[in-house]
Structures are given as structure tokens and as C-alpha cells.
Amino acid sequence: MKKQVYVISSLVIVILIAIFVLLNMEDTAVNFGFTTVKMPLILIVLVSLLLGALLIFLFSSLSSFKNSRQKKANLKEIQQLQSKIEELEAKLEVAGEAKVTQAPEANSDAETEEK
């Protein structure tokens, strides 16, 4: 069913483009400032369309490239922060173990002073 909808919509688009081309076959003068060129209107429209698509592609590629660089930098920062968290947790465990070992010694010192 999806394939049939795709084929029918493609045919409709091709027919619309063909009608557009046939309606715009007359020559049109394009003035570039230093020269004037006569060409069919459809060529002017198609060249403008292609140039616009090319510009959009270039800008989106540039934006995508910037986003990927930012993503890599963010991932690197996340990894650094996670390693720092692990180091601090290890230090915290060592400090906690030291307090646990010191606590019984303090209790035995207190008991000997009471006697």
C-alpha cells in the first residue's frame, strides 16, 4: 500500500513539473549588470532552485559539523568529570575506612582511662 501511494504521488509530481515546464518555455532576459543573457524561464527557475538547495546543504553541513564537534567536546568533559567523581569516591572510601579503624582504638583508649 505504501509503495502504491509513493508511485502515485511521484507520478502526480512529475506531471505537475511537466506542466510547469511547458508553461514557462518563453525566453527571458536576465541582466547580470555587465551582460544580458536570454534563456528559457524554466532554466532560470531550475538554476535558482539548484543554487538554493546547494546553499541550504552547505549551511546545514556546517551546522552539523559544529554540532558534532560540540558533542565530542561535551562527551570528553563528561568522561573527565566521571573520572574525577570516581577518584573522589575512592578518597571518601579510604577516609571512611580510616575513621572506622580509628574508632575502636579511641574506644579502647577511653576504656583504659576509665579503669
PDB file of N, CA and C in Angstrom:
ATOM      1  N   MET A   1       0.823  -1.193   0.000  1.00  0.00           N
ATOM      2  CA  MET A   1       0.000   0.000   0.000  1.00  0.00           C
ATOM      3  C   MET A   1       0.869   1.259   0.000  1.00  0.00           C
ATOM      4  N   LYS A   2       1.934   1.257   0.813  1.00  0.00           N
ATOM      5  CA  LYS A   2       2.815   2.417   0.858  1.00  0.00           C
ATOM      6  C   LYS A   2       3.487   2.643  -0.487  1.00  0.00           C
ATOM      7  N   LYS A   3       3.853   1.544  -1.157  1.00  0.00           N
ATOM      8  CA  LYS A   3       4.511   1.649  -2.449  1.00  0.00           C
ATOM      9  C   LYS A   3       3.582   2.279  -3.487  1.00  0.00           C
ATOM     10  N   GLN A   4       2.317   1.913  -3.445  1.00  0.00           N
ATOM     11  CA  GLN A   4       1.347   2.460  -4.399  1.00  0.00           C
ATOM     12  C   GLN A   4       1.164   3.958  -4.177  1.00  0.00           C
ATOM     13  N   VAL A   5       1.080   4.376  -2.932  1.00  0.00           N
ATOM     14  CA  VAL A   5       0.946   5.805  -2.626  1.00  0.00           C
ATOM     15  C   VAL A   5       2.179   6.552  -3.104  1.00  0.00           C
ATOM     16  N   TYR A   6       3.355   5.969  -2.904  1.00  0.00           N
ATOM     17  CA  TYR A   6       4.615   6.587  -3.346  1.00  0.00           C
ATOM     18  C   TYR A   6       4.631   6.727  -4.860  1.00  0.00           C
ATOM     19  N   VAL A   7       4.243   5.692  -5.602  1.00  0.00           N
ATOM     20  CA  VAL A   7       4.249   5.734  -7.070  1.00  0.00           C
ATOM     21  C   VAL A   7       3.242   6.753  -7.584  1.00  0.00           C
ATOM     22  N   ILE A   8       2.053   6.767  -7.005  1.00  0.00           N
ATOM     23  CA  ILE A   8       1.017   7.702  -7.458  1.00  0.00           C
ATOM     24  C   ILE A   8       1.439   9.143  -7.170  1.00  0.00           C
ATOM     25  N   SER A   9       1.969   9.396  -5.992  1.00  0.00           N
ATOM     26  CA  SER A   9       2.406  10.761  -5.665  1.00  0.00           C
ATOM     27  C   SER A   9       3.577  11.182  -6.541  1.00  0.00           C
ATOM     28  N   SER A  10       4.457  10.258  -6.865  1.00  0.00           N
ATOM     29  CA  SER A  10       5.575  10.572  -7.766  1.00  0.00           C
ATOM     30  C   SER A  10       5.072  10.932  -9.152  1.00  0.00           C
ATOM     31  N   LEU A  11       4.105  10.181  -9.652  1.00  0.00           N
ATOM     32  CA  LEU A  11       3.530  10.479 -10.970  1.00  0.00           C
ATOM     33  C   LEU A  11       2.849  11.838 -10.982  1.00  0.00           C
ATOM     34  N   VAL A  12       2.130  12.171  -9.947  1.00  0.00           N
ATOM     35  CA  VAL A  12       1.465  13.475  -9.862  1.00  0.00           C
ATOM     36  C   VAL A  12       2.501  14.591  -9.872  1.00  0.00           C
ATOM     37  N   ILE A  13       3.578  14.419  -9.124  1.00  0.00           N
ATOM     38  CA  ILE A  13       4.632  15.440  -9.078  1.00  0.00           C
ATOM     39  C   ILE A  13       5.294  15.594 -10.439  1.00  0.00           C
ATOM     40  N   VAL A  14       5.578  14.492 -11.135  1.00  0.00           N
ATOM     41  CA  VAL A  14       6.187  14.555 -12.464  1.00  0.00           C
ATOM     42  C   VAL A  14       5.259  15.260 -13.446  1.00  0.00           C
ATOM     43  N   ILE A  15       3.982  14.983 -13.384  1.00  0.00           N
ATOM     44  CA  ILE A  15       3.021  15.640 -14.273  1.00  0.00           C
ATOM     45  C   ILE A  15       2.962  17.138 -13.988  1.00  0.00           C
ATOM     46  N   LEU A  16       2.955  17.519 -12.715  1.00  0.00           N
ATOM     47  CA  LEU A  16       2.940  18.942 -12.362  1.00  0.00           C
ATOM     48  C   LEU A  16       4.203  19.646 -12.853  1.00  0.00           C
ATOM     49  N   ILE A  17       5.349  18.988 -12.731  1.00  0.00           N
ATOM     50  CA  ILE A  17       6.604  19.577 -13.210  1.00  0.00           C
ATOM     51  C   ILE A  17       6.568  19.733 -14.725  1.00  0.00           C
ATOM     52  N   ALA A  18       6.053  18.730 -15.434  1.00  0.00           N
ATOM     53  CA  ALA A  18       5.957  18.810 -16.897  1.00  0.00           C
ATOM     54  C   ALA A  18       5.065  19.970 -17.318  1.00  0.00           C
ATOM     55  N   ILE A  19       3.941  20.153 -16.640  1.00  0.00           N
ATOM     56  CA  ILE A  19       3.046  21.278 -16.953  1.00  0.00           C
ATOM     57  C   ILE A  19       3.752  22.598 -16.672  1.00  0.00           C
ATOM     58  N   PHE A  20       4.477  22.676 -15.565  1.00  0.00           N
ATOM     59  CA  PHE A  20       5.224  23.883 -15.207  1.00  0.00           C
ATOM     60  C   PHE A  20       6.256  24.220 -16.276  1.00  0.00           C
ATOM     61  N   VAL A  21       6.950  23.200 -16.774  1.00  0.00           N
ATOM     62  CA  VAL A  21       7.964  23.412 -17.816  1.00  0.00           C
ATOM     63  C   VAL A  21       7.304  23.920 -19.094  1.00  0.00           C
ATOM     64  N   LEU A  22       6.216  23.301 -19.487  1.00  0.00           N
ATOM     65  CA  LEU A  22       5.547  23.716 -20.725  1.00  0.00           C
ATOM     66  C   LEU A  22       4.998  25.133 -20.637  1.00  0.00           C
ATOM     67  N   LEU A  23       4.576  25.561 -19.457  1.00  0.00           N
ATOM     68  CA  LEU A  23       4.045  26.916 -19.292  1.00  0.00           C
ATOM     69  C   LEU A  23       5.144  27.978 -19.250  1.00  0.00           C
ATOM     70  N   ASN A  24       6.386  27.573 -18.992  1.00  0.00           N
ATOM     71  CA  ASN A  24       7.484  28.537 -18.823  1.00  0.00           C
ATOM     72  C   ASN A  24       8.602  28.334 -19.844  1.00  0.00           C
ATOM     73  N   MET A  25       8.251  28.141 -21.097  1.00  0.00           N
ATOM     74  CA  MET A  25       9.273  27.907 -22.120  1.00  0.00           C
ATOM     75  C   MET A  25       9.732  29.180 -22.828  1.00  0.00           C
ATOM     76  N   GLU A  26       9.035  30.314 -22.614  1.00  0.00           N
ATOM     77  CA  GLU A  26       9.421  31.530 -23.325  1.00  0.00           C
ATOM     78  C   GLU A  26      10.763  32.049 -22.820  1.00  0.00           C
ATOM     79  N   ASP A  27      11.494  32.708 -23.731  1.00  0.00           N
ATOM     80  CA  ASP A  27      12.799  33.264 -23.370  1.00  0.00           C
ATOM     81  C   ASP A  27      12.628  34.491 -22.487  1.00  0.00           C
ATOM     82  N   THR A  28      13.525  34.622 -21.553  1.00  0.00           N
ATOM     83  CA  THR A  28      13.513  35.751 -20.630  1.00  0.00           C
ATOM     84  C   THR A  28      14.917  36.326 -20.570  1.00  0.00           C
ATOM     85  N   ALA A  29      15.013  37.632 -20.562  1.00  0.00           N
ATOM     86  CA  ALA A  29      16.311  38.294 -20.479  1.00  0.00           C
ATOM     87  C   ALA A  29      16.712  38.419 -19.016  1.00  0.00           C
ATOM     88  N   VAL A  30      17.940  38.017 -18.725  1.00  0.00           N
ATOM     89  CA  VAL A  30      18.482  38.141 -17.371  1.00  0.00           C
ATOM     90  C   VAL A  30      19.661  39.105 -17.451  1.00  0.00           C
ATOM     91  N   ASN A  31      19.590  40.186 -16.681  1.00  0.00           N
ATOM     92  CA  ASN A  31      20.623  41.199 -16.693  1.00  0.00           C
ATOM     93  C   ASN A  31      21.553  40.974 -15.506  1.00  0.00           C
ATOM     94  N   PHE A  32      22.823  40.682 -15.770  1.00  0.00           N
ATOM     95  CA  PHE A  32      23.821  40.457 -14.724  1.00  0.00           C
ATOM     96  C   PHE A  32      24.621  41.713 -14.408  1.00  0.00           C
ATOM     97  N   GLY A  33      24.256  42.847 -14.978  1.00  0.00           N
ATOM     98  CA  GLY A  33      24.976  44.092 -14.727  1.00  0.00           C
ATOM     99  C   GLY A  33      25.962  44.390 -15.824  1.00  0.00           C
ATOM    100  N   PHE A  34      26.797  43.434 -16.159  1.00  0.00           N
ATOM    101  CA  PHE A  34      27.795  43.633 -17.205  1.00  0.00           C
ATOM    102  C   PHE A  34      27.369  42.988 -18.520  1.00  0.00           C
ATOM    103  N   THR A  35      26.390  42.108 -18.478  1.00  0.00           N
ATOM    104  CA  THR A  35      25.880  41.465 -19.692  1.00  0.00           C
ATOM    105  C   THR A  35      24.432  41.037 -19.482  1.00  0.00           C
ATOM    106  N   THR A  36      23.753  40.841 -20.592  1.00  0.00           N
ATOM    107  CA  THR A  36      22.367  40.368 -20.551  1.00  0.00           C
ATOM    108  C   THR A  36      22.307  39.050 -21.314  1.00  0.00           C
ATOM    109  N   VAL A  37      21.647  38.068 -20.713  1.00  0.00           N
ATOM    110  CA  VAL A  37      21.550  36.744 -21.315  1.00  0.00           C
ATOM    111  C   VAL A  37      20.079  36.405 -21.485  1.00  0.00           C
ATOM    112  N   LYS A  38      19.757  35.850 -22.670  1.00  0.00           N
ATOM    113  CA  LYS A  38      18.396  35.377 -22.893  1.00  0.00           C
ATOM    114  C   LYS A  38      18.385  33.869 -22.764  1.00  0.00           C
ATOM    115  N   MET A  39      17.501  33.375 -21.939  1.00  0.00           N
ATOM    116  CA  MET A  39      17.378  31.934 -21.743  1.00  0.00           C
ATOM    117  C   MET A  39      15.938  31.609 -21.360  1.00  0.00           C
ATOM    118  N   PRO A  40      15.554  30.350 -21.520  1.00  0.00           N
ATOM    119  CA  PRO A  40      14.186  29.984 -21.132  1.00  0.00           C
ATOM    120  C   PRO A  40      13.973  30.197 -19.628  1.00  0.00           C
ATOM    121  N   LEU A  41      12.781  30.616 -19.286  1.00  0.00           N
ATOM    122  CA  LEU A  41      12.434  30.909 -17.902  1.00  0.00           C
ATOM    123  C   LEU A  41      12.598  29.672 -17.018  1.00  0.00           C
ATOM    124  N   ILE A  42      12.292  28.510 -17.544  1.00  0.00           N
ATOM    125  CA  ILE A  42      12.404  27.280 -16.749  1.00  0.00           C
ATOM    126  C   ILE A  42      13.852  27.030 -16.329  1.00  0.00           C
ATOM    127  N   LEU A  43      14.813  27.353 -17.214  1.00  0.00           N
ATOM    128  CA  LEU A  43      16.227  27.179 -16.833  1.00  0.00           C
ATOM    129  C   LEU A  43      16.609  28.125 -15.705  1.00  0.00           C
ATOM    130  N   ILE A  44      16.102  29.347 -15.762  1.00  0.00           N
ATOM    131  CA  ILE A  44      16.384  30.308 -14.689  1.00  0.00           C
ATOM    132  C   ILE A  44      15.819  29.791 -13.373  1.00  0.00           C
ATOM    133  N   VAL A  45      14.590  29.285 -13.419  1.00  0.00           N
ATOM    134  CA  VAL A  45      13.951  28.771 -12.204  1.00  0.00           C
ATOM    135  C   VAL A  45      14.725  27.555 -11.678  1.00  0.00           C
ATOM    136  N   LEU A  46      15.091  26.631 -12.557  1.00  0.00           N
ATOM    137  CA  LEU A  46      15.806  25.420 -12.121  1.00  0.00           C
ATOM    138  C   LEU A  46      17.200  25.740 -11.572  1.00  0.00           C
ATOM    139  N   VAL A  47      17.918  26.651 -12.220  1.00  0.00           N
ATOM    140  CA  VAL A  47      19.251  27.029 -11.728  1.00  0.00           C
ATOM    141  C   VAL A  47      19.129  27.696 -10.364  1.00  0.00           C
ATOM    142  N   SER A  48      18.131  28.574 -10.215  1.00  0.00           N
ATOM    143  CA  SER A  48      17.913  29.222  -8.916  1.00  0.00           C
ATOM    144  C   SER A  48      17.572  28.193  -7.845  1.00  0.00           C
ATOM    145  N   LEU A  49      16.738  27.219  -8.209  1.00  0.00           N
ATOM    146  CA  LEU A  49      16.368  26.161  -7.276  1.00  0.00           C
ATOM    147  C   LEU A  49      17.589  25.338  -6.857  1.00  0.00           C
ATOM    148  N   LEU A  50      18.426  24.985  -7.824  1.00  0.00           N
ATOM    149  CA  LEU A  50      19.626  24.197  -7.513  1.00  0.00           C
ATOM    150  C   LEU A  50      20.620  24.979  -6.654  1.00  0.00           C
ATOM    151  N   LEU A  51      20.800  26.268  -6.964  1.00  0.00           N
ATOM    152  CA  LEU A  51      21.700  27.088  -6.144  1.00  0.00           C
ATOM    153  C   LEU A  51      21.175  27.225  -4.714  1.00  0.00           C
ATOM    154  N   GLY A  52      19.878  27.409  -4.572  1.00  0.00           N
ATOM    155  CA  GLY A  52      19.281  27.487  -3.238  1.00  0.00           C
ATOM    156  C   GLY A  52      19.459  26.191  -2.465  1.00  0.00           C
ATOM    157  N   ALA A  53      19.238  25.043  -3.144  1.00  0.00           N
ATOM    158  CA  ALA A  53      19.415  23.746  -2.493  1.00  0.00           C
ATOM    159  C   ALA A  53      20.867  23.540  -2.086  1.00  0.00           C
ATOM    160  N   LEU A  54      21.805  23.969  -2.938  1.00  0.00           N
ATOM    161  CA  LEU A  54      23.224  23.844  -2.619  1.00  0.00           C
ATOM    162  C   LEU A  54      23.588  24.686  -1.397  1.00  0.00           C
ATOM    163  N   LEU A  55      23.076  25.910  -1.330  1.00  0.00           N
ATOM    164  CA  LEU A  55      23.356  26.766  -0.167  1.00  0.00           C
ATOM    165  C   LEU A  55      22.776  26.171   1.114  1.00  0.00           C
ATOM    166  N   ILE A  56      21.570  25.654   1.030  1.00  0.00           N
ATOM    167  CA  ILE A  56      20.956  25.034   2.209  1.00  0.00           C
ATOM    168  C   ILE A  56      21.776  23.838   2.653  1.00  0.00           C
ATOM    169  N   PHE A  57      22.237  23.022   1.702  1.00  0.00           N
ATOM    170  CA  PHE A  57      23.063  21.855   2.035  1.00  0.00           C
ATOM    171  C   PHE A  57      24.360  22.276   2.712  1.00  0.00           C
ATOM    172  N   LEU A  58      25.010  23.313   2.176  1.00  0.00           N
ATOM    173  CA  LEU A  58      26.273  23.771   2.765  1.00  0.00           C
ATOM    174  C   LEU A  58      26.076  24.298   4.183  1.00  0.00           C
ATOM    175  N   PHE A  59      25.030  25.104   4.390  1.00  0.00           N
ATOM    176  CA  PHE A  59      24.783  25.646   5.725  1.00  0.00           C
ATOM    177  C   PHE A  59      24.401  24.552   6.714  1.00  0.00           C
ATOM    178  N   SER A  60      23.607  23.599   6.271  1.00  0.00           N
ATOM    179  CA  SER A  60      23.224  22.519   7.189  1.00  0.00           C
ATOM    180  C   SER A  60      24.419  21.622   7.495  1.00  0.00           C
ATOM    181  N   SER A  61      25.312  21.415   6.511  1.00  0.00           N
ATOM    182  CA  SER A  61      26.516  20.624   6.759  1.00  0.00           C
ATOM    183  C   SER A  61      27.422  21.323   7.761  1.00  0.00           C
ATOM    184  N   LEU A  62      27.555  22.625   7.612  1.00  0.00           N
ATOM    185  CA  LEU A  62      28.378  23.399   8.544  1.00  0.00           C
ATOM    186  C   LEU A  62      27.802  23.320   9.951  1.00  0.00           C
ATOM    187  N   SER A  63      26.500  23.467  10.063  1.00  0.00           N
ATOM    188  CA  SER A  63      25.842  23.383  11.363  1.00  0.00           C
ATOM    189  C   SER A  63      26.002  21.985  11.967  1.00  0.00           C
ATOM    190  N   SER A  64      25.853  20.967  11.136  1.00  0.00           N
ATOM    191  CA  SER A  64      26.011  19.591  11.607  1.00  0.00           C
ATOM    192  C   SER A  64      27.438  19.342  12.080  1.00  0.00           C
ATOM    193  N   PHE A  65      28.416  19.874  11.357  1.00  0.00           N
ATOM    194  CA  PHE A  65      29.821  19.719  11.742  1.00  0.00           C
ATOM    195  C   PHE A  65      30.088  20.393  13.088  1.00  0.00           C
ATOM    196  N   LYS A  66      29.547  21.589  13.277  1.00  0.00           N
ATOM    197  CA  LYS A  66      29.728  22.290  14.553  1.00  0.00           C
ATOM    198  C   LYS A  66      29.084  21.510  15.697  1.00  0.00           C
ATOM    199  N   ASN A  67      27.894  20.966  15.447  1.00  0.00           N
ATOM    200  CA  ASN A  67      27.206  20.196  16.480  1.00  0.00           C
ATOM    201  C   ASN A  67      27.984  18.941  16.852  1.00  0.00           C
ATOM    202  N   SER A  68      28.580  18.264  15.859  1.00  0.00           N
ATOM    203  CA  SER A  68      29.340  17.046  16.178  1.00  0.00           C
ATOM    204  C   SER A  68      30.600  17.394  16.970  1.00  0.00           C
ATOM    205  N   ARG A  69      31.254  18.502  16.640  1.00  0.00           N
ATOM    206  CA  ARG A  69      32.432  18.921  17.414  1.00  0.00           C
ATOM    207  C   ARG A  69      32.045  19.249  18.851  1.00  0.00           C
ATOM    208  N   GLN A  70      30.921  19.940  19.022  1.00  0.00           N
ATOM    209  CA  GLN A  70      30.454  20.283  20.363  1.00  0.00           C
ATOM    210  C   GLN A  70      30.093  19.026  21.138  1.00  0.00           C
ATOM    211  N   LYS A  71      29.494  18.055  20.465  1.00  0.00           N
ATOM    212  CA  LYS A  71      29.121  16.800  21.113  1.00  0.00           C
ATOM    213  C   LYS A  71      30.366  16.054  21.592  1.00  0.00           C
ATOM    214  N   LYS A  72      31.402  16.015  20.760  1.00  0.00           N
ATOM    215  CA  LYS A  72      32.648  15.358  21.164  1.00  0.00           C
ATOM    216  C   LYS A  72      33.270  16.055  22.371  1.00  0.00           C
ATOM    217  N   ALA A  73      33.256  17.380  22.357  1.00  0.00           N
ATOM    218  CA  ALA A  73      33.822  18.131  23.486  1.00  0.00           C
ATOM    219  C   ALA A  73      33.024  17.864  24.753  1.00  0.00           C
ATOM    220  N   ASN A  74      31.702  17.817  24.627  1.00  0.00           N
ATOM    221  CA  ASN A  74      30.858  17.547  25.799  1.00  0.00           C
ATOM    222  C   ASN A  74      31.097  16.142  26.338  1.00  0.00           C
ATOM    223  N   LEU A  75      31.232  15.155  25.454  1.00  0.00           N
ATOM    224  CA  LEU A  75      31.491  13.789  25.900  1.00  0.00           C
ATOM    225  C   LEU A  75      32.839  13.684  26.612  1.00  0.00           C
ATOM    226  N   LYS A  76      33.833  14.392  26.097  1.00  0.00           N
ATOM    227  CA  LYS A  76      35.151  14.384  26.736  1.00  0.00           C
ATOM    228  C   LYS A  76      35.067  15.000  28.135  1.00  0.00           C
ATOM    229  N   GLU A  77      34.326  16.096  28.255  1.00  0.00           N
ATOM    230  CA  GLU A  77      34.166  16.734  29.562  1.00  0.00           C
ATOM    231  C   GLU A  77      33.417  15.821  30.525  1.00  0.00           C
ATOM    232  N   ILE A  78      32.403  15.118  30.024  1.00  0.00           N
ATOM    233  CA  ILE A  78      31.646  14.182  30.864  1.00  0.00           C
ATOM    234  C   ILE A  78      32.559  13.071  31.367  1.00  0.00           C
ATOM    235  N   GLN A  79      33.402  12.540  30.499  1.00  0.00           N
ATOM    236  CA  GLN A  79      34.328  11.473  30.910  1.00  0.00           C
ATOM    237  C   GLN A  79      35.303  11.978  31.965  1.00  0.00           C
ATOM    238  N   GLN A  80      35.809  13.199  31.794  1.00  0.00           N
ATOM    239  CA  GLN A  80      36.722  13.759  32.783  1.00  0.00           C
ATOM    240  C   GLN A  80      36.024  13.930  34.129  1.00  0.00           C
ATOM    241  N   LEU A  81      34.798  14.427  34.107  1.00  0.00           N
ATOM    242  CA  LEU A  81      34.066  14.622  35.349  1.00  0.00           C
ATOM    243  C   LEU A  81      33.730  13.292  36.023  1.00  0.00           C
ATOM    244  N   GLN A  82      33.415  12.267  35.220  1.00  0.00           N
ATOM    245  CA  GLN A  82      33.138  10.953  35.798  1.00  0.00           C
ATOM    246  C   GLN A  82      34.385  10.357  36.443  1.00  0.00           C
ATOM    247  N   SER A  83      35.539  10.543  35.813  1.00  0.00           N
ATOM    248  CA  SER A  83      36.764  10.031  36.429  1.00  0.00           C
ATOM    249  C   SER A  83      37.071  10.789  37.717  1.00  0.00           C
ATOM    250  N   LYS A  84      36.793  12.076  37.734  1.00  0.00           N
ATOM    251  CA  LYS A  84      37.004  12.864  38.947  1.00  0.00           C
ATOM    252  C   LYS A  84      36.066  12.395  40.061  1.00  0.00           C
ATOM    253  N   ILE A  85      34.821  12.085  39.705  1.00  0.00           N
ATOM    254  CA  ILE A  85      33.860  11.555  40.690  1.00  0.00           C
ATOM    255  C   ILE A  85      34.365  10.241  41.258  1.00  0.00           C
ATOM    256  N   GLU A  86      34.880   9.367  40.390  1.00  0.00           N
ATOM    257  CA  GLU A  86      35.398   8.078  40.860  1.00  0.00           C
ATOM    258  C   GLU A  86      36.579   8.270  41.809  1.00  0.00           C
ATOM    259  N   GLU A  87      37.464   9.215  41.478  1.00  0.00           N
ATOM    260  CA  GLU A  87      38.603   9.493  42.364  1.00  0.00           C
ATOM    261  C   GLU A  87      38.121   9.985  43.725  1.00  0.00           C
ATOM    262  N   LEU A  88      37.164  10.898  43.725  1.00  0.00           N
ATOM    263  CA  LEU A  88      36.658  11.439  44.982  1.00  0.00           C
ATOM    264  C   LEU A  88      35.935  10.374  45.803  1.00  0.00           C
ATOM    265  N   GLU A  89      35.198   9.484  45.127  1.00  0.00           N
ATOM    266  CA  GLU A  89      34.536   8.393  45.843  1.00  0.00           C
ATOM    267  C   GLU A  89      35.561   7.456  46.466  1.00  0.00           C
ATOM    268  N   ALA A  90      36.660   7.197  45.750  1.00  0.00           N
ATOM    269  CA  ALA A  90      37.718   6.337  46.294  1.00  0.00           C
ATOM    270  C   ALA A  90      38.350   6.997  47.519  1.00  0.00           C
ATOM    271  N   LYS A  91      38.601   8.305  47.443  1.00  0.00           N
ATOM    272  CA  LYS A  91      39.165   9.016  48.595  1.00  0.00           C
ATOM    273  C   LYS A  91      38.191   8.984  49.775  1.00  0.00           C
ATOM    274  N   LEU A  92      36.910   9.115  49.475  1.00  0.00           N
ATOM    275  CA  LEU A  92      35.900   9.086  50.517  1.00  0.00           C
ATOM    276  C   LEU A  92      35.855   7.721  51.194  1.00  0.00           C
ATOM    277  N   GLU A  93      35.979   6.663  50.413  1.00  0.00           N
ATOM    278  CA  GLU A  93      36.002   5.312  50.987  1.00  0.00           C
ATOM    279  C   GLU A  93      37.222   5.113  51.872  1.00  0.00           C
ATOM    280  N   VAL A  94      38.372   5.595  51.420  1.00  0.00           N
ATOM    281  CA  VAL A  94      39.597   5.464  52.221  1.00  0.00           C
ATOM    282  C   VAL A  94      39.452   6.241  53.519  1.00  0.00           C
ATOM    283  N   ALA A  95      38.893   7.435  53.445  1.00  0.00           N
ATOM    284  CA  ALA A  95      38.707   8.240  54.650  1.00  0.00           C
ATOM    285  C   ALA A  95      37.707   7.569  55.586  1.00  0.00           C
ATOM    286  N   GLY A  96      36.662   6.974  55.031  1.00  0.00           N
ATOM    287  CA  GLY A  96      35.671   6.266  55.847  1.00  0.00           C
ATOM    288  C   GLY A  96      36.273   5.062  56.525  1.00  0.00           C
ATOM    289  N   GLU A  97      37.119   4.324  55.834  1.00  0.00           N
ATOM    290  CA  GLU A  97      37.787   3.161  56.429  1.00  0.00           C
ATOM    291  C   GLU A  97      38.748   3.599  57.525  1.00  0.00           C
ATOM    292  N   ALA A  98      39.411   4.705  57.332  1.00  0.00           N
ATOM    293  CA  ALA A  98      40.337   5.208  58.342  1.00  0.00           C
ATOM    294  C   ALA A  98      39.583   5.587  59.610  1.00  0.00           C
ATOM    295  N   LYS A  99      38.421   6.185  59.476  1.00  0.00           N
ATOM    296  CA  LYS A  99      37.623   6.547  60.652  1.00  0.00           C
ATOM    297  C   LYS A  99      37.133   5.302  61.368  1.00  0.00           C
ATOM    298  N   VAL A 100      36.748   4.271  60.596  1.00  0.00           N
ATOM    299  CA  VAL A 100      36.264   3.037  61.208  1.00  0.00           C
ATOM    300  C   VAL A 100      37.386   2.375  61.996  1.00  0.00           C
ATOM    301  N   THR A 101      38.597   2.354  61.474  1.00  0.00           N
ATOM    302  CA  THR A 101      39.719   1.729  62.187  1.00  0.00           C
ATOM    303  C   THR A 101      40.147   2.573  63.376  1.00  0.00           C
ATOM    304  N   GLN A 102      39.995   3.887  63.303  1.00  0.00           N
ATOM    305  CA  GLN A 102      40.360   4.746  64.421  1.00  0.00           C
ATOM    306  C   GLN A 102      39.321   4.687  65.527  1.00  0.00           C
ATOM    307  N   ALA A 103      38.093   4.464  65.210  1.00  0.00           N
ATOM    308  CA  ALA A 103      37.023   4.459  66.211  1.00  0.00           C
ATOM    309  C   ALA A 103      37.227   3.382  67.262  1.00  0.00           C
ATOM    310  N   PRO A 104      37.535   2.121  66.937  1.00  0.00           N
ATOM    311  CA  PRO A 104      37.757   1.144  68.001  1.00  0.00           C
ATOM    312  C   PRO A 104      38.966   1.483  68.868  1.00  0.00           C
ATOM    313  N   GLU A 105      40.004   2.037  68.297  1.00  0.00           N
ATOM    314  CA  GLU A 105      41.169   2.417  69.081  1.00  0.00           C
ATOM    315  C   GLU A 105      40.796   3.510  70.073  1.00  0.00           C
ATOM    316  N   ALA A 106      39.978   4.445  69.661  1.00  0.00           N
ATOM    317  CA  ALA A 106      39.557   5.519  70.556  1.00  0.00           C
ATOM    318  C   ALA A 106      38.722   4.955  71.694  1.00  0.00           C
ATOM    319  N   ASN A 107      37.879   3.966  71.398  1.00  0.00           N
ATOM    320  CA  ASN A 107      37.072   3.342  72.437  1.00  0.00           C
ATOM    321  C   ASN A 107      37.952   2.597  73.437  1.00  0.00           C
ATOM    322  N   SER A 108      38.965   1.914  72.961  1.00  0.00           N
ATOM    323  CA  SER A 108      39.825   1.172  73.890  1.00  0.00           C
ATOM    324  C   SER A 108      40.646   2.132  74.733  1.00  0.00           C
ATOM    325  N   ASP A 109      41.055   3.282  74.213  1.00  0.00           N
ATOM    326  CA  ASP A 109      41.754   4.287  74.984  1.00  0.00           C
ATOM    327  C   ASP A 109      40.852   4.853  76.065  1.00  0.00           C
ATOM    328  N   ALA A 110      39.596   5.077  75.727  1.00  0.00           N
ATOM    329  CA  ALA A 110      38.646   5.623  76.691  1.00  0.00           C
ATOM    330  C   ALA A 110      38.397   4.604  77.798  1.00  0.00           C
ATOM    331  N   GLU A 111      38.348   3.329  77.453  1.00  0.00           N
ATOM    332  CA  GLU A 111      38.102   2.288  78.450  1.00  0.00           C
ATOM    333  C   GLU A 111      39.278   2.171  79.415  1.00  0.00           C
ATOM    334  N   THR A 112      40.503   2.285  78.919  1.00  0.00           N
ATOM    335  CA  THR A 112      41.672   2.183  79.799  1.00  0.00           C
ATOM    336  C   THR A 112      41.757   3.394  80.723  1.00  0.00           C
ATOM    337  N   GLU A 113      41.336   4.556  80.283  1.00  0.00           N
ATOM    338  CA  GLU A 113      41.361   5.743  81.135  1.00  0.00           C
ATOM    339  C   GLU A 113      40.330   5.605  82.246  1.00  0.00           C
ATOM    340  N   GLU A 114      39.178   4.991  81.969  1.00  0.00           N
ATOM    341  CA  GLU A 114      38.142   4.838  82.978  1.00  0.00           C
ATOM    342  C   GLU A 114      38.603   3.865  84.060  1.00  0.00           C
ATOM    343  N   LYS A 115      39.389   2.872  83.742  1.00  0.00           N
ATOM    344  CA  LYS A 115      39.829   1.877  84.720  1.00  0.00           C
ATOM    345  C   LYS A 115      40.891   2.452  85.551  1.00  0.00           C
TER     346      LYS A 115
END
